[in-house]
N, C-alpha and C. Protein backbone atom coordinates (compact mmCIF):
# COMPACT_ATOMS: atom_id res chain seq x y z
N MET A 1 17.10 1.37 -10.84
CA MET A 1 16.17 0.43 -10.26
C MET A 1 16.79 -0.32 -9.09
N ILE A 2 18.08 -0.66 -9.20
CA ILE A 2 18.74 -1.41 -8.14
C ILE A 2 18.82 -0.57 -6.86
N PHE A 3 19.01 0.77 -7.01
CA PHE A 3 19.07 1.64 -5.84
C PHE A 3 17.72 1.72 -5.14
N PHE A 4 16.64 1.74 -5.93
CA PHE A 4 15.30 1.78 -5.36
C PHE A 4 15.02 0.50 -4.58
N LYS A 5 15.37 -0.64 -5.13
CA LYS A 5 15.16 -1.91 -4.44
C LYS A 5 16.00 -1.98 -3.16
N LEU A 6 17.21 -1.46 -3.23
CA LEU A 6 18.07 -1.42 -2.05
C LEU A 6 17.47 -0.52 -0.97
N PHE A 7 16.94 0.64 -1.38
CA PHE A 7 16.29 1.53 -0.44
C PHE A 7 15.12 0.83 0.24
N LEU A 8 14.29 0.13 -0.53
CA LEU A 8 13.14 -0.57 0.04
C LEU A 8 13.58 -1.63 1.05
N LEU A 9 14.62 -2.36 0.72
CA LEU A 9 15.14 -3.37 1.64
C LEU A 9 15.63 -2.72 2.94
N ILE A 10 16.32 -1.60 2.83
CA ILE A 10 16.78 -0.88 4.03
C ILE A 10 15.58 -0.37 4.82
N GLN A 11 14.60 0.18 4.13
CA GLN A 11 13.41 0.69 4.81
C GLN A 11 12.69 -0.43 5.57
N ILE A 12 12.49 -1.55 4.95
CA ILE A 12 11.81 -2.68 5.60
C ILE A 12 12.61 -3.14 6.81
N THR A 13 13.91 -3.28 6.66
CA THR A 13 14.77 -3.76 7.74
C THR A 13 14.72 -2.81 8.94
N ILE A 14 14.89 -1.52 8.68
CA ILE A 14 14.88 -0.54 9.78
C ILE A 14 13.50 -0.47 10.42
N PHE A 15 12.44 -0.48 9.62
CA PHE A 15 11.08 -0.48 10.14
C PHE A 15 10.90 -1.64 11.12
N ARG A 16 11.31 -2.82 10.71
CA ARG A 16 11.13 -4.01 11.56
C ARG A 16 12.02 -3.98 12.79
N LEU A 17 13.27 -3.55 12.64
CA LEU A 17 14.19 -3.50 13.78
C LEU A 17 13.72 -2.52 14.85
N THR A 18 13.00 -1.47 14.44
CA THR A 18 12.56 -0.45 15.39
C THR A 18 11.06 -0.53 15.68
N ASN A 19 10.42 -1.61 15.26
CA ASN A 19 8.97 -1.76 15.42
C ASN A 19 8.20 -0.57 14.85
N GLY A 20 8.72 -0.02 13.77
CA GLY A 20 8.04 1.07 13.08
C GLY A 20 8.28 2.44 13.67
N ARG A 21 9.20 2.56 14.60
CA ARG A 21 9.50 3.89 15.13
C ARG A 21 10.32 4.70 14.12
N LEU A 22 11.05 4.01 13.25
CA LEU A 22 11.80 4.66 12.17
C LEU A 22 11.33 4.10 10.83
N MET A 23 11.43 4.92 9.81
CA MET A 23 11.07 4.55 8.43
C MET A 23 9.57 4.23 8.28
N ALA A 24 8.75 4.84 9.13
CA ALA A 24 7.30 4.60 9.08
C ALA A 24 6.56 5.75 8.41
N SER A 25 7.30 6.59 7.70
CA SER A 25 6.65 7.63 6.92
C SER A 25 7.50 7.95 5.70
N MET A 26 6.82 8.47 4.69
CA MET A 26 7.49 8.85 3.45
C MET A 26 6.68 9.99 2.83
N ARG A 27 7.36 11.04 2.48
CA ARG A 27 6.70 12.20 1.86
C ARG A 27 5.55 12.72 2.71
N GLY A 28 5.71 12.63 4.03
CA GLY A 28 4.70 13.12 4.95
C GLY A 28 3.53 12.18 5.19
N MET A 29 3.59 11.00 4.60
CA MET A 29 2.50 10.02 4.73
C MET A 29 2.96 8.85 5.60
N PRO A 30 2.04 8.28 6.39
CA PRO A 30 2.41 7.07 7.14
C PRO A 30 2.61 5.90 6.19
N VAL A 31 3.48 4.98 6.59
CA VAL A 31 3.81 3.81 5.79
C VAL A 31 3.51 2.54 6.57
N LEU A 32 2.95 1.57 5.89
CA LEU A 32 2.77 0.23 6.45
C LEU A 32 3.57 -0.74 5.60
N LEU A 33 3.83 -1.90 6.16
CA LEU A 33 4.46 -2.98 5.39
C LEU A 33 3.37 -3.98 5.04
N LEU A 34 3.17 -4.20 3.76
CA LEU A 34 2.19 -5.16 3.24
C LEU A 34 2.92 -6.46 2.95
N ASN A 35 2.47 -7.54 3.57
CA ASN A 35 3.09 -8.86 3.39
C ASN A 35 2.15 -9.74 2.57
N THR A 36 2.58 -10.08 1.37
CA THR A 36 1.79 -10.91 0.47
C THR A 36 2.60 -12.14 0.07
N VAL A 37 1.95 -13.02 -0.68
CA VAL A 37 2.63 -14.17 -1.27
C VAL A 37 2.52 -14.02 -2.78
N GLY A 38 3.64 -14.14 -3.46
CA GLY A 38 3.66 -14.01 -4.92
C GLY A 38 2.75 -15.03 -5.57
N ARG A 39 1.86 -14.57 -6.42
CA ARG A 39 0.88 -15.47 -7.04
C ARG A 39 1.53 -16.45 -8.01
N LYS A 40 2.67 -16.09 -8.58
CA LYS A 40 3.38 -16.97 -9.50
C LYS A 40 4.49 -17.75 -8.81
N THR A 41 5.20 -17.09 -7.90
CA THR A 41 6.38 -17.70 -7.29
C THR A 41 6.10 -18.41 -5.97
N GLY A 42 5.03 -17.98 -5.27
CA GLY A 42 4.75 -18.53 -3.95
C GLY A 42 5.67 -17.97 -2.87
N LYS A 43 6.53 -17.02 -3.24
CA LYS A 43 7.47 -16.42 -2.29
C LYS A 43 6.80 -15.31 -1.49
N LYS A 44 7.23 -15.18 -0.24
CA LYS A 44 6.74 -14.08 0.60
C LYS A 44 7.31 -12.77 0.08
N ARG A 45 6.45 -11.77 0.01
CA ARG A 45 6.83 -10.44 -0.48
C ARG A 45 6.42 -9.40 0.56
N THR A 46 7.27 -8.41 0.75
CA THR A 46 6.95 -7.30 1.64
C THR A 46 7.11 -6.01 0.85
N THR A 47 6.09 -5.16 0.92
CA THR A 47 6.09 -3.91 0.19
C THR A 47 5.73 -2.77 1.13
N PRO A 48 6.59 -1.77 1.28
CA PRO A 48 6.21 -0.58 2.05
C PRO A 48 5.25 0.27 1.21
N LEU A 49 4.15 0.67 1.82
CA LEU A 49 3.14 1.46 1.11
C LEU A 49 2.61 2.58 1.99
N MET A 50 2.39 3.73 1.38
CA MET A 50 1.72 4.82 2.08
C MET A 50 0.25 4.46 2.23
N TYR A 51 -0.36 5.00 3.27
CA TYR A 51 -1.77 4.71 3.50
C TYR A 51 -2.47 5.89 4.16
N VAL A 52 -3.80 5.85 4.09
CA VAL A 52 -4.64 6.74 4.88
C VAL A 52 -5.56 5.85 5.69
N LYS A 53 -6.06 6.39 6.78
CA LYS A 53 -7.00 5.63 7.62
C LYS A 53 -8.42 6.06 7.27
N ASP A 54 -9.33 5.11 7.37
CA ASP A 54 -10.76 5.36 7.24
C ASP A 54 -11.40 4.60 8.38
N GLY A 55 -11.58 5.25 9.50
CA GLY A 55 -12.03 4.55 10.71
C GLY A 55 -10.93 3.59 11.12
N ASP A 56 -11.28 2.30 11.27
CA ASP A 56 -10.29 1.28 11.62
C ASP A 56 -9.60 0.69 10.40
N ASP A 57 -10.07 1.03 9.21
CA ASP A 57 -9.53 0.47 7.98
C ASP A 57 -8.29 1.24 7.51
N PHE A 58 -7.40 0.51 6.84
CA PHE A 58 -6.22 1.09 6.20
C PHE A 58 -6.50 1.11 4.70
N ILE A 59 -6.26 2.25 4.08
CA ILE A 59 -6.54 2.39 2.65
C ILE A 59 -5.21 2.59 1.92
N ILE A 60 -4.93 1.69 0.98
CA ILE A 60 -3.72 1.80 0.16
C ILE A 60 -4.16 2.01 -1.29
N THR A 61 -3.24 2.50 -2.08
CA THR A 61 -3.56 2.87 -3.46
C THR A 61 -2.57 2.22 -4.42
N ALA A 62 -3.09 1.55 -5.43
CA ALA A 62 -2.25 0.84 -6.40
C ALA A 62 -1.80 1.79 -7.51
N SER A 63 -1.15 2.88 -7.11
CA SER A 63 -0.77 3.91 -8.08
C SER A 63 0.43 3.50 -8.93
N ASN A 64 1.33 2.70 -8.37
CA ASN A 64 2.54 2.29 -9.07
C ASN A 64 3.28 3.50 -9.64
N ASN A 65 3.29 4.58 -8.85
CA ASN A 65 3.95 5.83 -9.24
C ASN A 65 3.45 6.37 -10.58
N GLY A 66 2.20 6.11 -10.90
CA GLY A 66 1.60 6.63 -12.12
C GLY A 66 1.90 5.83 -13.38
N ARG A 67 2.51 4.66 -13.21
CA ARG A 67 2.79 3.83 -14.40
C ARG A 67 1.48 3.32 -15.00
N ASP A 68 1.57 2.82 -16.22
CA ASP A 68 0.38 2.37 -16.94
C ASP A 68 -0.03 0.93 -16.63
N HIS A 69 0.53 0.35 -15.57
CA HIS A 69 0.12 -0.99 -15.15
C HIS A 69 0.09 -1.04 -13.63
N HIS A 70 -0.73 -1.94 -13.13
CA HIS A 70 -0.85 -2.10 -11.68
C HIS A 70 0.44 -2.69 -11.10
N PRO A 71 0.71 -2.38 -9.83
CA PRO A 71 1.89 -2.98 -9.19
C PRO A 71 1.66 -4.47 -8.93
N GLY A 72 2.74 -5.23 -8.84
CA GLY A 72 2.63 -6.67 -8.60
C GLY A 72 1.87 -7.02 -7.35
N TRP A 73 2.06 -6.24 -6.28
CA TRP A 73 1.37 -6.56 -5.03
C TRP A 73 -0.14 -6.54 -5.19
N PHE A 74 -0.66 -5.72 -6.11
CA PHE A 74 -2.11 -5.64 -6.34
C PHE A 74 -2.65 -6.98 -6.84
N TYR A 75 -1.94 -7.60 -7.77
CA TYR A 75 -2.37 -8.90 -8.30
C TYR A 75 -2.24 -9.99 -7.22
N ASN A 76 -1.20 -9.89 -6.40
CA ASN A 76 -1.03 -10.85 -5.32
C ASN A 76 -2.20 -10.76 -4.34
N LEU A 77 -2.66 -9.55 -4.04
CA LEU A 77 -3.80 -9.36 -3.14
C LEU A 77 -5.09 -9.92 -3.73
N LYS A 78 -5.26 -9.74 -5.04
CA LYS A 78 -6.47 -10.27 -5.68
C LYS A 78 -6.49 -11.80 -5.62
N GLU A 79 -5.30 -12.40 -5.74
CA GLU A 79 -5.18 -13.86 -5.68
C GLU A 79 -5.40 -14.39 -4.26
N CYS A 80 -4.86 -13.67 -3.29
CA CYS A 80 -4.94 -14.10 -1.88
C CYS A 80 -5.20 -12.86 -1.03
N PRO A 81 -6.48 -12.52 -0.79
CA PRO A 81 -6.80 -11.26 -0.13
C PRO A 81 -6.56 -11.21 1.39
N GLN A 82 -6.33 -12.34 2.02
CA GLN A 82 -6.04 -12.32 3.46
C GLN A 82 -4.53 -12.23 3.64
N VAL A 83 -4.08 -11.11 4.21
CA VAL A 83 -2.66 -10.82 4.33
C VAL A 83 -2.37 -10.22 5.70
N THR A 84 -1.10 -10.02 5.97
CA THR A 84 -0.73 -9.29 7.18
C THR A 84 -0.13 -7.95 6.78
N ILE A 85 -0.33 -6.99 7.67
CA ILE A 85 0.32 -5.70 7.53
C ILE A 85 1.06 -5.41 8.82
N GLU A 86 2.09 -4.60 8.70
CA GLU A 86 2.84 -4.15 9.86
C GLU A 86 2.76 -2.63 9.92
N VAL A 87 2.32 -2.15 11.06
CA VAL A 87 2.30 -0.72 11.36
C VAL A 87 3.07 -0.56 12.66
N PRO A 88 3.44 0.65 13.04
CA PRO A 88 4.23 0.77 14.26
C PRO A 88 3.64 0.00 15.45
N ASP A 89 4.49 -0.87 16.00
CA ASP A 89 4.18 -1.67 17.19
C ASP A 89 3.06 -2.70 17.01
N ARG A 90 2.64 -2.96 15.76
CA ARG A 90 1.57 -3.95 15.56
C ARG A 90 1.74 -4.69 14.25
N LYS A 91 1.35 -5.96 14.28
CA LYS A 91 1.24 -6.77 13.08
C LYS A 91 -0.21 -7.25 13.05
N LEU A 92 -0.90 -7.00 11.95
CA LEU A 92 -2.33 -7.27 11.87
C LEU A 92 -2.67 -8.18 10.71
N LEU A 93 -3.60 -9.09 10.93
CA LEU A 93 -4.18 -9.88 9.86
C LEU A 93 -5.34 -9.06 9.30
N VAL A 94 -5.38 -8.89 7.99
CA VAL A 94 -6.44 -8.11 7.36
C VAL A 94 -6.95 -8.81 6.10
N ASN A 95 -8.14 -8.42 5.71
CA ASN A 95 -8.72 -8.85 4.45
C ASN A 95 -8.69 -7.66 3.51
N ALA A 96 -8.21 -7.87 2.31
CA ALA A 96 -8.10 -6.81 1.32
C ALA A 96 -9.25 -6.90 0.32
N SER A 97 -9.82 -5.75 0.00
CA SER A 97 -10.84 -5.71 -1.04
C SER A 97 -10.66 -4.42 -1.83
N VAL A 98 -10.87 -4.53 -3.13
CA VAL A 98 -10.78 -3.34 -3.97
C VAL A 98 -11.99 -2.48 -3.66
N ALA A 99 -11.73 -1.20 -3.42
CA ALA A 99 -12.81 -0.27 -3.11
C ALA A 99 -13.79 -0.20 -4.28
N THR A 100 -15.06 -0.15 -3.95
CA THR A 100 -16.08 0.02 -4.98
C THR A 100 -15.95 1.42 -5.58
N LYS A 101 -16.65 1.66 -6.66
CA LYS A 101 -16.65 2.96 -7.30
C LYS A 101 -17.10 4.04 -6.31
N GLU A 102 -18.12 3.72 -5.53
CA GLU A 102 -18.64 4.67 -4.55
C GLU A 102 -17.64 4.92 -3.43
N GLU A 103 -17.01 3.84 -2.94
CA GLU A 103 -16.00 3.99 -1.90
C GLU A 103 -14.82 4.82 -2.40
N SER A 104 -14.38 4.53 -3.61
CA SER A 104 -13.26 5.29 -4.19
C SER A 104 -13.60 6.77 -4.34
N ALA A 105 -14.84 7.06 -4.74
CA ALA A 105 -15.26 8.45 -4.89
C ALA A 105 -15.20 9.18 -3.54
N ARG A 106 -15.46 8.48 -2.46
CA ARG A 106 -15.40 9.08 -1.13
C ARG A 106 -13.96 9.12 -0.60
N LEU A 107 -13.18 8.07 -0.88
CA LEU A 107 -11.83 7.96 -0.30
C LEU A 107 -10.77 8.77 -1.05
N TRP A 108 -10.93 8.94 -2.37
CA TRP A 108 -9.91 9.63 -3.16
C TRP A 108 -9.66 11.05 -2.64
N PRO A 109 -10.70 11.84 -2.37
CA PRO A 109 -10.45 13.19 -1.85
C PRO A 109 -9.73 13.19 -0.49
N ILE A 110 -9.96 12.18 0.33
CA ILE A 110 -9.25 12.06 1.61
C ILE A 110 -7.76 11.86 1.33
N LEU A 111 -7.45 10.96 0.39
CA LEU A 111 -6.07 10.70 0.03
C LEU A 111 -5.41 11.96 -0.53
N ILE A 112 -6.08 12.63 -1.44
CA ILE A 112 -5.52 13.81 -2.11
C ILE A 112 -5.30 14.95 -1.11
N SER A 113 -6.16 15.05 -0.10
CA SER A 113 -5.97 16.12 0.89
C SER A 113 -4.68 15.89 1.69
N GLU A 114 -4.28 14.64 1.85
CA GLU A 114 -3.06 14.33 2.59
C GLU A 114 -1.84 14.16 1.68
N ALA A 115 -2.08 13.77 0.43
CA ALA A 115 -0.97 13.51 -0.50
C ALA A 115 -1.37 13.93 -1.92
N PRO A 116 -1.30 15.22 -2.21
CA PRO A 116 -1.75 15.72 -3.52
C PRO A 116 -1.02 15.10 -4.70
N PHE A 117 0.18 14.58 -4.49
CA PHE A 117 0.94 14.00 -5.61
C PHE A 117 0.24 12.79 -6.21
N PHE A 118 -0.65 12.12 -5.46
CA PHE A 118 -1.38 10.98 -6.03
C PHE A 118 -2.28 11.43 -7.17
N ASP A 119 -2.77 12.67 -7.11
CA ASP A 119 -3.62 13.15 -8.19
C ASP A 119 -2.82 13.29 -9.49
N LYS A 120 -1.53 13.63 -9.39
CA LYS A 120 -0.68 13.69 -10.58
C LYS A 120 -0.52 12.30 -11.19
N TYR A 121 -0.40 11.28 -10.33
CA TYR A 121 -0.31 9.91 -10.83
C TYR A 121 -1.58 9.57 -11.62
N ARG A 122 -2.72 9.92 -11.05
CA ARG A 122 -4.00 9.60 -11.69
C ARG A 122 -4.12 10.28 -13.05
N LYS A 123 -3.69 11.53 -13.12
CA LYS A 123 -3.80 12.29 -14.37
C LYS A 123 -2.77 11.84 -15.40
N GLY A 124 -1.72 11.18 -14.95
CA GLY A 124 -0.65 10.78 -15.86
C GLY A 124 -0.80 9.39 -16.45
N THR A 125 -1.89 8.71 -16.15
CA THR A 125 -2.09 7.36 -16.70
C THR A 125 -3.52 7.21 -17.22
N SER A 126 -3.70 6.31 -18.15
CA SER A 126 -5.04 6.07 -18.70
C SER A 126 -5.79 5.01 -17.89
N ARG A 127 -5.09 4.31 -17.00
CA ARG A 127 -5.76 3.26 -16.23
C ARG A 127 -6.45 3.85 -15.00
N ASN A 128 -7.45 3.14 -14.52
CA ASN A 128 -8.08 3.48 -13.26
C ASN A 128 -7.13 3.04 -12.14
N ILE A 129 -6.81 3.93 -11.22
CA ILE A 129 -5.93 3.57 -10.11
C ILE A 129 -6.80 3.06 -8.97
N PRO A 130 -6.70 1.76 -8.67
CA PRO A 130 -7.55 1.19 -7.62
C PRO A 130 -7.11 1.59 -6.22
N MET A 131 -8.10 1.73 -5.37
CA MET A 131 -7.84 1.90 -3.94
C MET A 131 -8.23 0.57 -3.30
N VAL A 132 -7.47 0.18 -2.28
CA VAL A 132 -7.68 -1.11 -1.63
C VAL A 132 -7.94 -0.87 -0.15
N VAL A 133 -9.02 -1.48 0.34
CA VAL A 133 -9.38 -1.39 1.74
C VAL A 133 -8.82 -2.60 2.46
N LEU A 134 -8.06 -2.35 3.51
CA LEU A 134 -7.51 -3.40 4.36
C LEU A 134 -8.28 -3.36 5.68
N ARG A 135 -9.01 -4.43 5.95
CA ARG A 135 -9.94 -4.46 7.10
C ARG A 135 -9.67 -5.69 7.94
N ALA A 136 -9.60 -5.50 9.26
CA ALA A 136 -9.45 -6.64 10.16
C ALA A 136 -10.69 -7.52 10.07
N PRO A 137 -10.49 -8.85 10.08
CA PRO A 137 -11.66 -9.75 9.98
C PRO A 137 -12.56 -9.68 11.20
């Protein structure tokens, strides 16, 4: 676990130092930096996440690598849905909303076409894996 956290710290640092020219993809997927505030601690949190685009919207998935619980950033977004994201050469203010059942039904196949491993996460857990729409206000 300590190596994974160290990798994330290195990824965030290099992403920021290069304005996203480096460390902006993982497993063939584009990566954004999600900046939230911890709902319990009040501390600023940054999480690198893979995403797909849907028009101007960024779509992230609370897969938590197929674990049986949602990732912490998901709860932070529910508590405070207005956040910033960092993509190459841009920092954007966005509003986060959990995709509706209908939106998820449309967006999931888009995600799977670009990253089939997400389907393994879905099949490996009993929980519904939420998709989150990040939209500029």
